[in-house]
Protein backbone atom coordinates (compact mmCIF):
# COMPACT_ATOMS: atom_id res chain seq x y z
CA UNK A 1 96.92 56.32 63.60
CA UNK A 2 99.16 59.34 63.12
CA UNK A 3 96.18 61.64 62.56
CA UNK A 4 94.36 60.22 65.59
CA UNK A 5 97.38 60.93 67.76
CA UNK A 6 97.22 64.56 66.70
CA UNK A 7 93.53 64.63 67.49
CA UNK A 8 94.16 63.27 70.96
CA UNK A 9 96.98 65.67 71.81
CA UNK A 10 95.14 68.71 70.46
CA UNK A 11 91.82 67.92 72.05
CA UNK A 12 93.37 66.83 75.33
CA UNK A 13 94.98 70.22 75.87
CA UNK A 14 91.86 71.95 74.59
CA UNK A 15 89.75 70.12 77.16
CA UNK A 16 92.02 71.09 80.03
CA UNK A 17 91.57 74.76 79.15
CA UNK A 18 87.83 74.40 78.61
CA UNK A 19 87.29 72.45 81.81
CA UNK A 20 88.66 75.29 83.86
CA UNK A 21 86.25 77.69 82.22
CA UNK A 22 83.18 75.59 82.84
CA UNK A 23 84.08 74.80 86.41
CA UNK A 24 84.57 78.46 87.28
CA UNK A 25 82.09 81.16 88.05
CA UNK A 26 82.35 82.96 84.72
CA UNK A 27 83.52 82.73 81.10
CA UNK A 28 87.07 82.05 80.02
CA UNK A 29 89.41 85.03 80.27
CA UNK A 30 90.16 86.62 76.92
CA UNK A 31 93.78 85.50 76.97
CA UNK A 32 92.69 81.85 77.17
CA UNK A 33 90.85 81.79 73.88
CA UNK A 34 93.86 82.09 71.53
CA UNK A 35 95.24 78.87 73.05
CA UNK A 36 92.08 76.97 72.16
CA UNK A 37 91.73 77.64 68.46
CA UNK A 38 94.98 76.22 67.08
CA UNK A 39 94.78 73.14 69.30
CA UNK A 40 91.27 72.38 68.17
CA UNK A 41 92.42 72.66 64.57
CA UNK A 42 94.69 69.65 65.11
CA UNK A 43 91.63 67.44 64.84
CA UNK A 44 92.17 67.64 61.09
CA UNK A 45 95.94 67.34 61.44
CA UNK A 46 96.30 70.96 60.30
CA UNK A 47 97.25 73.87 62.52
CA UNK A 48 95.35 76.93 61.34
CA UNK A 49 96.66 80.23 62.70
CA UNK A 50 94.26 82.25 64.80
CA UNK A 51 93.87 85.97 64.14
CA UNK A 52 94.69 88.34 67.00
CA UNK A 53 91.02 89.09 67.68
CA UNK A 54 90.49 85.52 68.92
CA UNK A 55 87.96 84.72 66.21
CA UNK A 56 88.19 81.42 64.37
CA UNK A 57 89.07 81.48 60.68
CA UNK A 58 86.78 78.77 59.31
CA UNK A 59 83.22 79.59 58.29
CA UNK A 60 82.96 83.36 58.53
CA UNK A 61 80.50 85.36 56.45
CA UNK A 62 79.97 88.90 55.38
CA UNK A 63 76.29 88.87 56.22
CA UNK A 64 75.85 92.51 55.43
CA UNK A 65 75.18 91.24 51.91
CA UNK A 66 72.71 88.62 50.82
CA UNK A 67 75.56 86.15 50.68
CA UNK A 68 79.14 86.29 51.85
CA UNK A 69 82.27 86.28 49.81
CA UNK A 70 83.69 82.90 50.62
CA UNK A 71 85.01 83.47 54.15
CA UNK A 72 83.40 80.19 55.11
CA UNK A 73 85.99 78.44 52.94
CA UNK A 74 89.03 79.52 54.95
CA UNK A 75 90.88 76.50 56.27
CA UNK A 76 88.88 73.86 54.41
CA UNK A 77 91.39 73.76 51.59
CA UNK A 78 93.97 72.53 54.10
CA UNK A 79 91.98 69.39 54.82
CA UNK A 80 92.54 66.13 52.87
CA UNK A 81 90.53 66.32 49.60
CA UNK A 82 87.86 63.78 50.54
CA UNK A 83 87.34 65.39 53.93
CA UNK A 84 87.23 68.90 52.46
CA UNK A 85 84.52 67.79 50.03
CA UNK A 86 82.54 66.12 52.81
CA UNK A 87 82.76 69.18 55.07
CA UNK A 88 81.62 71.51 52.30
CA UNK A 89 78.70 69.22 51.58
CA UNK A 90 77.88 69.19 55.30
CA UNK A 91 77.88 73.00 55.42
CA UNK A 92 75.63 73.17 52.36
CA UNK A 93 73.23 70.78 54.02
CA UNK A 94 73.44 72.66 57.31
CA UNK A 95 72.50 75.92 55.61
CA UNK A 96 69.52 74.34 53.90
CA UNK A 97 68.48 72.52 57.06
CA UNK A 98 68.15 75.67 59.14
CA UNK A 99 66.72 77.48 56.13
CA UNK A 100 64.01 74.84 55.90
CA UNK A 101 63.24 75.28 59.60
CA UNK A 102 62.74 79.00 58.98
CA UNK A 103 60.59 78.38 55.87
CA UNK A 104 58.32 76.15 57.91
CA UNK A 105 57.89 79.02 60.36
CA UNK A 106 57.17 81.40 57.44
CA UNK A 107 60.30 83.37 58.33
CA UNK A 108 61.05 84.02 54.67
CA UNK A 109 63.45 86.94 55.09
CA UNK A 110 65.48 85.06 57.65
CA UNK A 111 65.57 81.96 55.45
CA UNK A 112 66.87 83.63 52.28
CA UNK A 113 70.59 83.89 53.22
CA UNK A 114 70.75 80.19 54.03
CA UNK A 115 69.64 79.30 50.52
CA UNK A 116 71.93 81.83 48.85
CA UNK A 117 75.16 80.95 50.64
CA UNK A 118 75.41 77.35 49.38
CA UNK A 119 75.09 78.42 45.75
CA UNK A 120 77.31 81.50 45.97
CA UNK A 121 79.95 80.49 48.53
CA UNK A 122 80.22 76.72 48.68
CA UNK A 123 79.12 75.29 45.34
CA UNK A 124 81.95 76.92 43.33
CA UNK A 125 84.46 74.84 45.30
CA UNK A 126 82.36 71.68 45.09
CA UNK A 127 81.43 71.64 41.42
CA UNK A 128 84.80 70.54 40.04
CA UNK A 129 84.83 67.51 42.35
CA UNK A 130 81.29 66.25 41.83
CA UNK A 131 82.28 63.83 39.09
CA UNK A 132 84.77 62.13 41.42
CA UNK A 133 81.80 60.96 43.49
CA UNK A 134 79.36 60.44 40.60
CA UNK A 135 77.25 63.40 41.69
CA UNK A 136 75.29 65.24 38.98
CA UNK A 137 75.56 69.05 38.98
CA UNK A 138 72.92 70.60 41.20
CA UNK A 139 73.58 74.32 40.85
CA UNK A 140 70.35 74.80 38.89
CA UNK A 141 68.38 73.13 41.69
CA UNK A 142 70.11 75.31 44.30
CA UNK A 143 69.33 78.46 42.32
CA UNK A 144 65.71 77.42 41.85
CA UNK A 145 65.41 76.69 45.54
CA UNK A 146 66.81 80.08 46.51
CA UNK A 147 64.52 81.80 43.98
CA UNK A 148 61.47 80.06 45.44
CA UNK A 149 62.37 81.22 48.93
CA UNK A 150 63.10 84.79 47.82
CA UNK A 151 59.69 84.85 46.12
CA UNK A 152 58.09 83.32 49.24
CA UNK A 153 56.80 80.43 47.20
CA UNK A 154 56.01 77.27 49.08
CA UNK A 155 54.37 74.25 47.54
CA UNK A 156 55.83 72.54 44.51
CA UNK A 157 58.21 75.38 43.60
CA UNK A 158 59.98 74.86 46.90
CA UNK A 159 59.55 71.12 47.49
CA UNK A 160 60.42 70.23 43.89
CA UNK A 161 63.71 72.14 43.96
CA UNK A 162 64.46 70.81 47.43
CA UNK A 163 63.88 67.26 46.25
CA UNK A 164 66.34 67.69 43.37
CA UNK A 165 68.98 69.01 45.77
CA UNK A 166 68.35 66.11 48.15
CA UNK A 167 68.91 63.69 45.28
CA UNK A 168 72.35 65.24 44.77
CA UNK A 169 73.07 64.84 48.49
CA UNK A 170 72.12 61.17 48.32
CA UNK A 171 74.40 60.67 45.31
CA UNK A 172 77.26 62.37 47.17
CA UNK A 173 76.79 60.13 50.19
CA UNK A 174 76.77 57.07 47.97
CA UNK A 175 79.87 58.16 46.04
CA UNK A 176 81.86 59.07 49.14
CA UNK A 177 80.85 55.87 50.92
CA UNK A 178 81.97 53.78 47.96
CA UNK A 179 85.30 55.56 47.90
CA UNK A 180 85.94 55.34 51.65
CA UNK A 181 84.81 51.73 52.08
CA UNK A 182 85.08 50.36 55.61
CA UNK A 183 86.40 53.71 56.82
CA UNK A 184 83.02 55.36 56.13
CA UNK A 185 81.65 55.58 59.72
CA UNK A 186 84.92 57.02 61.02
CA UNK A 187 85.10 59.42 58.08
CA UNK A 188 81.55 60.67 58.64
CA UNK A 189 82.30 61.20 62.33
CA UNK A 190 85.38 63.26 61.50
CA UNK A 191 83.47 65.37 58.98
CA UNK A 192 80.70 65.92 61.54
CA UNK A 193 83.25 67.19 64.05
CA UNK A 194 84.61 69.63 61.46
CA UNK A 195 81.08 70.93 60.87
CA UNK A 196 80.63 71.42 64.62
CA UNK A 197 83.90 73.35 64.78
CA UNK A 198 82.56 75.63 62.06
CA UNK A 199 79.46 76.12 64.21
CA UNK A 200 81.49 77.41 67.15
CA UNK A 201 83.09 79.98 64.91
CA UNK A 202 79.78 81.19 63.54
CA UNK A 203 78.38 81.38 67.05
CA UNK A 204 81.24 83.63 68.12
CA UNK A 205 80.47 85.95 65.20
CA UNK A 206 76.81 86.13 66.25
CA UNK A 207 77.45 87.49 69.74
CA UNK A 208 78.43 91.08 70.41
CA UNK A 209 78.34 92.61 73.86
CA UNK A 210 76.63 89.62 75.40
CA UNK A 211 73.76 89.74 72.90
CA UNK A 212 72.96 87.78 69.75
CA UNK A 213 73.04 90.61 67.25
CA UNK A 214 73.75 88.61 64.08
CA UNK A 215 70.93 86.07 63.72
CA UNK A 216 72.25 84.59 60.46
CA UNK A 217 75.49 83.45 62.11
CA UNK A 218 73.54 81.98 65.03
CA UNK A 219 71.37 80.14 62.52
CA UNK A 220 74.42 78.93 60.59
CA UNK A 221 75.75 77.42 63.80
CA UNK A 222 72.41 75.80 64.55
CA UNK A 223 72.21 74.31 61.06
CA UNK A 224 75.75 72.94 61.17
CA UNK A 225 75.17 71.27 64.54
CA UNK A 226 71.84 69.78 63.45
CA UNK A 227 73.53 68.48 60.30
CA UNK A 228 76.37 66.98 62.34
CA UNK A 229 73.77 65.22 64.47
CA UNK A 230 72.11 63.85 61.33
CA UNK A 231 75.49 62.63 60.06
CA UNK A 232 76.28 60.80 63.28
CA UNK A 233 72.87 59.14 63.28
CA UNK A 234 73.35 58.05 59.66
CA UNK A 235 76.24 55.81 60.73
CA UNK A 236 75.05 55.10 64.28
CA UNK A 237 74.59 51.38 63.59
CA UNK A 238 78.29 50.96 62.85
CA UNK A 239 79.34 53.28 65.67
CA UNK A 240 77.19 51.31 68.09
CA UNK A 241 79.09 48.15 67.21
CA UNK A 242 82.44 49.90 67.56
CA UNK A 243 81.91 51.56 70.95
CA UNK A 244 78.35 51.77 72.32
CA UNK A 245 79.41 53.74 75.40
CA UNK A 246 81.19 56.36 73.29
CA UNK A 247 78.20 56.69 70.97
CA UNK A 248 75.87 57.18 73.93
CA UNK A 249 78.16 59.86 75.30
CA UNK A 250 78.49 61.54 71.90
CA UNK A 251 74.72 61.65 71.51
CA UNK A 252 74.40 63.21 74.96
CA UNK A 253 76.98 65.86 74.13
CA UNK A 254 75.23 66.66 70.84
CA UNK A 255 71.94 66.97 72.72
CA UNK A 256 73.59 69.45 75.10
CA UNK A 257 74.97 71.45 72.18
CA UNK A 258 71.53 71.66 70.60
CA UNK A 259 70.17 73.19 73.81
CA UNK A 260 72.38 76.22 73.16
CA UNK A 261 70.23 76.85 70.06
CA UNK A 262 66.68 76.49 71.42
CA UNK A 263 64.91 78.10 68.46
CA UNK A 264 65.63 78.85 64.82
CA UNK A 265 64.88 82.52 65.47
CA UNK A 266 67.49 83.33 68.09
CA UNK A 267 66.81 84.68 71.56
CA UNK A 268 68.33 88.06 72.31
CA UNK A 269 70.50 86.68 75.10
CA UNK A 270 72.66 83.63 74.30
CA UNK A 271 72.16 80.48 76.34
CA UNK A 272 75.96 80.11 76.54
CA UNK A 273 78.79 82.41 75.61
CA UNK A 274 81.33 81.29 73.04
CA UNK A 275 83.89 80.23 75.63
CA UNK A 276 81.39 77.84 77.20
CA UNK A 277 80.43 76.48 73.80
CA UNK A 278 84.09 75.91 72.95
CA UNK A 279 84.52 73.92 76.14
CA UNK A 280 81.49 71.80 75.26
CA UNK A 281 82.83 71.15 71.77
CA UNK A 282 86.26 70.22 73.12
CA UNK A 283 84.68 67.47 75.21
CA UNK A 284 82.60 66.31 72.27
CA UNK A 285 85.76 66.06 70.15
CA UNK A 286 87.43 63.94 72.80
CA UNK A 287 84.45 61.59 72.78
CA UNK A 288 84.31 61.47 68.97
CA UNK A 289 87.95 60.38 68.77
CA UNK A 290 86.91 57.02 70.24
CA UNK A 291 84.68 56.46 67.23
CA UNK A 292 87.16 57.48 64.53
């Protein structure tokens, strides 16, 4: 209950700021953004300082290279251990999800970073905890999957490696669910919200001068939101029993978020600016609290 009280207070103030932005004729003023970040971070019960630039600190990449140098990890270590593991797994799955969308469109170059980042940025912080959830190591499968994409190999080279990674995901879900017990639906909802928060940060990195100039960050955000949607649906039966009205509202808010990312290959002009997206996410957080 203590954590949920923090969620409510943080999100409540966040929503008041965001609501003013959406109801106005333009985006939030620059001096409003620093107030949003720290309050949103209270969803996890942890206040994460915001840098002066107004950018979020969780889930940032150096996309000038094939893979970043772990910026995506900032802040996750401050979460409770089970939640940190779940969020990292969600980000891995989000990367691969949008990467798979790009592979299906034969956008091989665009897909490559999303298969490299999980192995090079996220897996190192996951590997030492896999045994806690009875998950077999899957670094070899991740590497094989990335190699298949870099070589533009579809067919069995890709689907076989993807299947082995999916088996690890299934094992992780099973292990975490066993550990969390009856708290599982609430836990999944909280982890999904953390993944969505990471998406807002990536989206802000993607936009410069009113244009989407960093497609990989836009795609990261898309993948994280699509993964959060998958997570919510995976426990929707339990959430429906808990609060059907809240679940309906949460689904509607997720659907609205997905409209900000109409295609895997981004448009030049963003559908929403980051301030508008932050306001949308603040309302989604408020709805999600009812299901935690």
